[in-house]
Amino acid sequence: MRLTLHPDAERDVAEAAAFYEREGAPAVAARFLKEFRRVGALLQMQPEIGTPRGGGRRGFTMHVFPYTVVYRHLPNEIRITVVKHDRRRPGFGSRRV
């Protein structure tokens, strides 16, 4: 199963890592990226693990960090469309395909 990221999801991850590096420390940003990679690997192994959302999307909450990874389970691919802070407005990134 292949894992891909929507270009805006890549930007979401980069912005979150930059925030943690700026407001915390480089080690905190590295932990965020490590957790994101762990979630991606988990989704590849168990694509149905996330909570169903509208429009064929699923969401999986990261541990430690208040972020949810929103993705689509396609035939041979996990497509991450949004990586959103849990305190952002509910519809953030909902139009991404």
C-alpha atoms as a PDB file:
ATOM      1  CA  MET A   1       0.000   0.000   0.000  1.00  0.00           C
ATOM      2  CA  ARG A   2       1.461   3.323  -1.091  1.00  0.00           C
ATOM      3  CA  LEU A   3       1.295   6.451   1.087  1.00  0.00           C
ATOM      4  CA  THR A   4       0.927   9.849  -0.603  1.00  0.00           C
ATOM      5  CA  LEU A   5       0.302  13.365   0.668  1.00  0.00           C
ATOM      6  CA  HIS A   6      -1.780  16.111  -0.882  1.00  0.00           C
ATOM      7  CA  PRO A   7       0.551  19.106  -1.486  1.00  0.00           C
ATOM      8  CA  ASP A   8      -1.379  21.127   1.099  1.00  0.00           C
ATOM      9  CA  ALA A   9      -1.025  18.281   3.620  1.00  0.00           C
ATOM     10  CA  GLU A  10       2.746  18.448   3.080  1.00  0.00           C
ATOM     11  CA  ARG A  11       2.489  22.153   3.873  1.00  0.00           C
ATOM     12  CA  ASP A  12       0.393  21.362   6.987  1.00  0.00           C
ATOM     13  CA  VAL A  13       3.143  19.057   8.287  1.00  0.00           C
ATOM     14  CA  ALA A  14       5.910  21.549   7.492  1.00  0.00           C
ATOM     15  CA  GLU A  15       4.038  24.382   9.234  1.00  0.00           C
ATOM     16  CA  ALA A  16       3.404  22.274  12.343  1.00  0.00           C
ATOM     17  CA  ALA A  17       7.043  21.169  12.521  1.00  0.00           C
ATOM     18  CA  ALA A  18       8.207  24.778  12.084  1.00  0.00           C
ATOM     19  CA  PHE A  19       5.882  25.874  14.890  1.00  0.00           C
ATOM     20  CA  TYR A  20       7.225  23.228  17.259  1.00  0.00           C
ATOM     21  CA  GLU A  21      10.801  24.092  16.342  1.00  0.00           C
ATOM     22  CA  ARG A  22      10.175  27.807  16.866  1.00  0.00           C
ATOM     23  CA  GLU A  23       8.022  27.609  20.015  1.00  0.00           C
ATOM     24  CA  GLY A  24       9.537  24.485  21.550  1.00  0.00           C
ATOM     25  CA  ALA A  25      12.836  23.121  20.312  1.00  0.00           C
ATOM     26  CA  PRO A  26      14.234  21.231  17.327  1.00  0.00           C
ATOM     27  CA  ALA A  27      13.817  18.037  19.352  1.00  0.00           C
ATOM     28  CA  VAL A  28      10.071  18.693  19.709  1.00  0.00           C
ATOM     29  CA  ALA A  29       9.750  19.239  15.952  1.00  0.00           C
ATOM     30  CA  ALA A  30      11.649  15.995  15.355  1.00  0.00           C
ATOM     31  CA  ARG A  31       9.265  14.145  17.700  1.00  0.00           C
ATOM     32  CA  PHE A  32       6.291  15.561  15.791  1.00  0.00           C
ATOM     33  CA  LEU A  33       7.725  14.341  12.479  1.00  0.00           C
ATOM     34  CA  LYS A  34       8.520  10.935  13.964  1.00  0.00           C
ATOM     35  CA  GLU A  35       4.938  10.617  15.243  1.00  0.00           C
ATOM     36  CA  PHE A  36       3.575  11.670  11.845  1.00  0.00           C
ATOM     37  CA  ARG A  37       5.682   8.983  10.129  1.00  0.00           C
ATOM     38  CA  ARG A  38       4.489   6.406  12.688  1.00  0.00           C
ATOM     39  CA  VAL A  39       0.855   7.283  11.966  1.00  0.00           C
ATOM     40  CA  GLY A  40       1.487   7.040   8.216  1.00  0.00           C
ATOM     41  CA  ALA A  41       3.008   3.566   8.598  1.00  0.00           C
ATOM     42  CA  LEU A  42       0.110   2.481  10.813  1.00  0.00           C
ATOM     43  CA  LEU A  43      -2.422   3.690   8.247  1.00  0.00           C
ATOM     44  CA  GLN A  44      -0.635   1.717   5.549  1.00  0.00           C
ATOM     45  CA  MET A  45      -0.883  -1.467   7.640  1.00  0.00           C
ATOM     46  CA  GLN A  46      -4.443  -0.872   8.905  1.00  0.00           C
ATOM     47  CA  PRO A  47      -6.227   1.504   6.517  1.00  0.00           C
ATOM     48  CA  GLU A  48      -9.625   1.165   8.185  1.00  0.00           C
ATOM     49  CA  ILE A  49      -8.337   2.184  11.631  1.00  0.00           C
ATOM     50  CA  GLY A  50      -9.402   5.821  11.326  1.00  0.00           C
ATOM     51  CA  THR A  51     -12.776   7.222  12.292  1.00  0.00           C
ATOM     52  CA  PRO A  52     -15.107   7.611   9.285  1.00  0.00           C
ATOM     53  CA  ARG A  53     -15.809  11.185   8.164  1.00  0.00           C
ATOM     54  CA  GLY A  54     -17.944  12.492   5.349  1.00  0.00           C
ATOM     55  CA  GLY A  55     -17.007  12.148   1.701  1.00  0.00           C
ATOM     56  CA  GLY A  56     -15.128   8.853   2.008  1.00  0.00           C
ATOM     57  CA  ARG A  57     -12.514  10.309   4.325  1.00  0.00           C
ATOM     58  CA  ARG A  58     -11.234   8.978   7.645  1.00  0.00           C
ATOM     59  CA  GLY A  59      -9.445  10.709  10.503  1.00  0.00           C
ATOM     60  CA  PHE A  60      -6.814   9.399  12.886  1.00  0.00           C
ATOM     61  CA  THR A  61      -5.665  11.414  15.888  1.00  0.00           C
ATOM     62  CA  MET A  62      -1.948  11.570  16.608  1.00  0.00           C
ATOM     63  CA  HIS A  63      -0.710  10.646  20.073  1.00  0.00           C
ATOM     64  CA  VAL A  64       0.964  13.355  22.173  1.00  0.00           C
ATOM     65  CA  PHE A  65       0.332  16.100  19.581  1.00  0.00           C
ATOM     66  CA  PRO A  66      -3.143  17.628  19.101  1.00  0.00           C
ATOM     67  CA  TYR A  67      -3.352  16.860  15.385  1.00  0.00           C
ATOM     68  CA  THR A  68      -5.620  14.689  13.285  1.00  0.00           C
ATOM     69  CA  VAL A  69      -4.515  13.083  10.032  1.00  0.00           C
ATOM     70  CA  VAL A  70      -7.368  13.043   7.517  1.00  0.00           C
ATOM     71  CA  TYR A  71      -7.001  10.550   4.682  1.00  0.00           C
ATOM     72  CA  ARG A  72      -8.703   8.538   1.988  1.00  0.00           C
ATOM     73  CA  HIS A  73      -8.273   4.794   1.618  1.00  0.00           C
ATOM     74  CA  LEU A  74      -8.020   4.232  -2.112  1.00  0.00           C
ATOM     75  CA  PRO A  75      -7.530   0.834  -3.811  1.00  0.00           C
ATOM     76  CA  ASN A  76      -3.712   0.792  -3.628  1.00  0.00           C
ATOM     77  CA  GLU A  77      -3.018   4.010  -1.778  1.00  0.00           C
ATOM     78  CA  ILE A  78      -3.481   5.901   1.450  1.00  0.00           C
ATOM     79  CA  ARG A  79      -3.870   9.564   0.429  1.00  0.00           C
ATOM     80  CA  ILE A  80      -3.349  11.993   3.316  1.00  0.00           C
ATOM     81  CA  THR A  81      -5.323  15.108   2.475  1.00  0.00           C
ATOM     82  CA  VAL A  82      -5.153  17.166   5.686  1.00  0.00           C
ATOM     83  CA  VAL A  83      -3.035  17.297   8.832  1.00  0.00           C
ATOM     84  CA  LYS A  84      -4.980  19.628  11.086  1.00  0.00           C
ATOM     85  CA  HIS A  85      -4.593  20.972  14.573  1.00  0.00           C
ATOM     86  CA  ASP A  86      -7.562  19.770  16.598  1.00  0.00           C
ATOM     87  CA  ARG A  87      -8.434  23.328  17.629  1.00  0.00           C
ATOM     88  CA  ARG A  88      -8.742  24.618  14.054  1.00  0.00           C
ATOM     89  CA  ARG A  89     -12.171  25.223  12.653  1.00  0.00           C
ATOM     90  CA  PRO A  90     -14.027  21.946  11.979  1.00  0.00           C
ATOM     91  CA  GLY A  91     -14.119  22.301   8.184  1.00  0.00           C
ATOM     92  CA  PHE A  92     -10.400  23.036   7.743  1.00  0.00           C
ATOM     93  CA  GLY A  93      -9.167  21.304   4.575  1.00  0.00           C
ATOM     94  CA  SER A  94     -12.479  19.579   3.851  1.00  0.00           C
ATOM     95  CA  ARG A  95     -12.388  20.549   0.168  1.00  0.00           C
ATOM     96  CA  ARG A  96      -9.062  18.818  -0.460  1.00  0.00           C
ATOM     97  CA  VAL A  97      -9.275  15.695  -2.590  1.00  0.00           C
END
